[in-house]
Amino acid sequence: MARPLIGITTYAEEATWGNWTEPAAFVPFAYVRAVAQAGGRPMLVPPVENGIEETLDALDGIIF
């Protein structure tokens, strides 16, 4: 049986790595770990409106 695909919504923040600063999508890793430990497949949902319908259709559940 396939593991359920669980979407986890992300939020946009400016992030700095080394010498560059860029907008990035974030989610606390505790959510990813919790979904995986519960037997689900975590999928990060980016904070964009494009393609939201097809993304939601592919998911078995979602964490906001």
C-alpha atoms as a PDB file:
ATOM      1  CA  MET A   1       0.000   0.000   0.000  1.00  0.00           C
ATOM      2  CA  ALA A   2       1.347   3.434  -0.916  1.00  0.00           C
ATOM      3  CA  ARG A   3       2.083   5.875   1.864  1.00  0.00           C
ATOM      4  CA  PRO A   4      -0.271   8.889   1.923  1.00  0.00           C
ATOM      5  CA  LEU A   5       1.111  12.055   0.311  1.00  0.00           C
ATOM      6  CA  ILE A   6       0.807  14.877   2.840  1.00  0.00           C
ATOM      7  CA  GLY A   7       1.340  18.470   1.737  1.00  0.00           C
ATOM      8  CA  ILE A   8       2.992  20.911   4.132  1.00  0.00           C
ATOM      9  CA  THR A   9       2.508  24.564   3.287  1.00  0.00           C
ATOM     10  CA  THR A  10       5.635  26.707   3.297  1.00  0.00           C
ATOM     11  CA  TYR A  11       6.170  30.422   3.841  1.00  0.00           C
ATOM     12  CA  ALA A  12       8.432  32.867   2.021  1.00  0.00           C
ATOM     13  CA  GLU A  13      11.276  34.635   3.828  1.00  0.00           C
ATOM     14  CA  GLU A  14      14.491  36.239   2.722  1.00  0.00           C
ATOM     15  CA  ALA A  15      17.396  33.943   3.541  1.00  0.00           C
ATOM     16  CA  THR A  16      21.152  34.392   3.522  1.00  0.00           C
ATOM     17  CA  TRP A  17      23.626  31.638   2.679  1.00  0.00           C
ATOM     18  CA  GLY A  18      27.243  32.614   2.315  1.00  0.00           C
ATOM     19  CA  ASN A  19      27.461  35.732   0.153  1.00  0.00           C
ATOM     20  CA  TRP A  20      23.963  35.744  -1.293  1.00  0.00           C
ATOM     21  CA  THR A  21      20.527  36.693  -0.056  1.00  0.00           C
ATOM     22  CA  GLU A  22      17.439  35.341  -1.836  1.00  0.00           C
ATOM     23  CA  PRO A  23      13.756  34.744  -1.146  1.00  0.00           C
ATOM     24  CA  ALA A  24      13.256  31.147  -0.022  1.00  0.00           C
ATOM     25  CA  ALA A  25      10.384  28.849   0.949  1.00  0.00           C
ATOM     26  CA  PHE A  26      10.584  27.519   4.521  1.00  0.00           C
ATOM     27  CA  VAL A  27       8.846  25.078   6.811  1.00  0.00           C
ATOM     28  CA  PRO A  28       9.936  23.860  10.243  1.00  0.00           C
ATOM     29  CA  PHE A  29      11.600  20.481   9.732  1.00  0.00           C
ATOM     30  CA  ALA A  30       9.643  19.093  12.694  1.00  0.00           C
ATOM     31  CA  TYR A  31       6.559  18.958  10.412  1.00  0.00           C
ATOM     32  CA  VAL A  32       8.446  17.015   7.741  1.00  0.00           C
ATOM     33  CA  ARG A  33       9.826  14.604  10.343  1.00  0.00           C
ATOM     34  CA  ALA A  34       6.412  14.116  11.980  1.00  0.00           C
ATOM     35  CA  VAL A  35       4.708  13.235   8.690  1.00  0.00           C
ATOM     36  CA  ALA A  36       7.474  10.777   7.805  1.00  0.00           C
ATOM     37  CA  GLN A  37       7.429   9.174  11.276  1.00  0.00           C
ATOM     38  CA  ALA A  38       3.644   8.768  11.011  1.00  0.00           C
ATOM     39  CA  GLY A  39       4.096   6.824   7.769  1.00  0.00           C
ATOM     40  CA  GLY A  40       3.272   9.600   5.290  1.00  0.00           C
ATOM     41  CA  ARG A  41       5.292  11.053   2.445  1.00  0.00           C
ATOM     42  CA  PRO A  42       5.829  14.767   3.133  1.00  0.00           C
ATOM     43  CA  MET A  43       5.564  17.138   0.166  1.00  0.00           C
ATOM     44  CA  LEU A  44       6.429  20.811   0.559  1.00  0.00           C
ATOM     45  CA  VAL A  45       3.855  23.109  -1.031  1.00  0.00           C
ATOM     46  CA  PRO A  46       5.418  26.398  -2.172  1.00  0.00           C
ATOM     47  CA  PRO A  47       3.727  29.716  -1.363  1.00  0.00           C
ATOM     48  CA  VAL A  48       2.476  30.376  -4.906  1.00  0.00           C
ATOM     49  CA  GLU A  49      -0.989  30.387  -6.440  1.00  0.00           C
ATOM     50  CA  ASN A  50      -0.020  28.815  -9.790  1.00  0.00           C
ATOM     51  CA  GLY A  51      -1.013  25.157  -9.994  1.00  0.00           C
ATOM     52  CA  ILE A  52      -2.642  25.028  -6.562  1.00  0.00           C
ATOM     53  CA  GLU A  53      -5.643  23.023  -7.836  1.00  0.00           C
ATOM     54  CA  GLU A  54      -3.521  20.228  -9.322  1.00  0.00           C
ATOM     55  CA  THR A  55      -1.285  20.199  -6.245  1.00  0.00           C
ATOM     56  CA  LEU A  56      -4.263  19.821  -3.915  1.00  0.00           C
ATOM     57  CA  ASP A  57      -5.737  17.105  -6.140  1.00  0.00           C
ATOM     58  CA  ALA A  58      -2.523  15.050  -5.791  1.00  0.00           C
ATOM     59  CA  LEU A  59      -2.472  15.198  -1.971  1.00  0.00           C
ATOM     60  CA  ASP A  60      -4.101  12.837   0.501  1.00  0.00           C
ATOM     61  CA  GLY A  61      -3.934  15.494   3.247  1.00  0.00           C
ATOM     62  CA  ILE A  62      -2.425  18.875   4.040  1.00  0.00           C
ATOM     63  CA  ILE A  63      -0.899  20.689   7.019  1.00  0.00           C
ATOM     64  CA  PHE A  64      -1.393  24.455   7.042  1.00  0.00           C
END
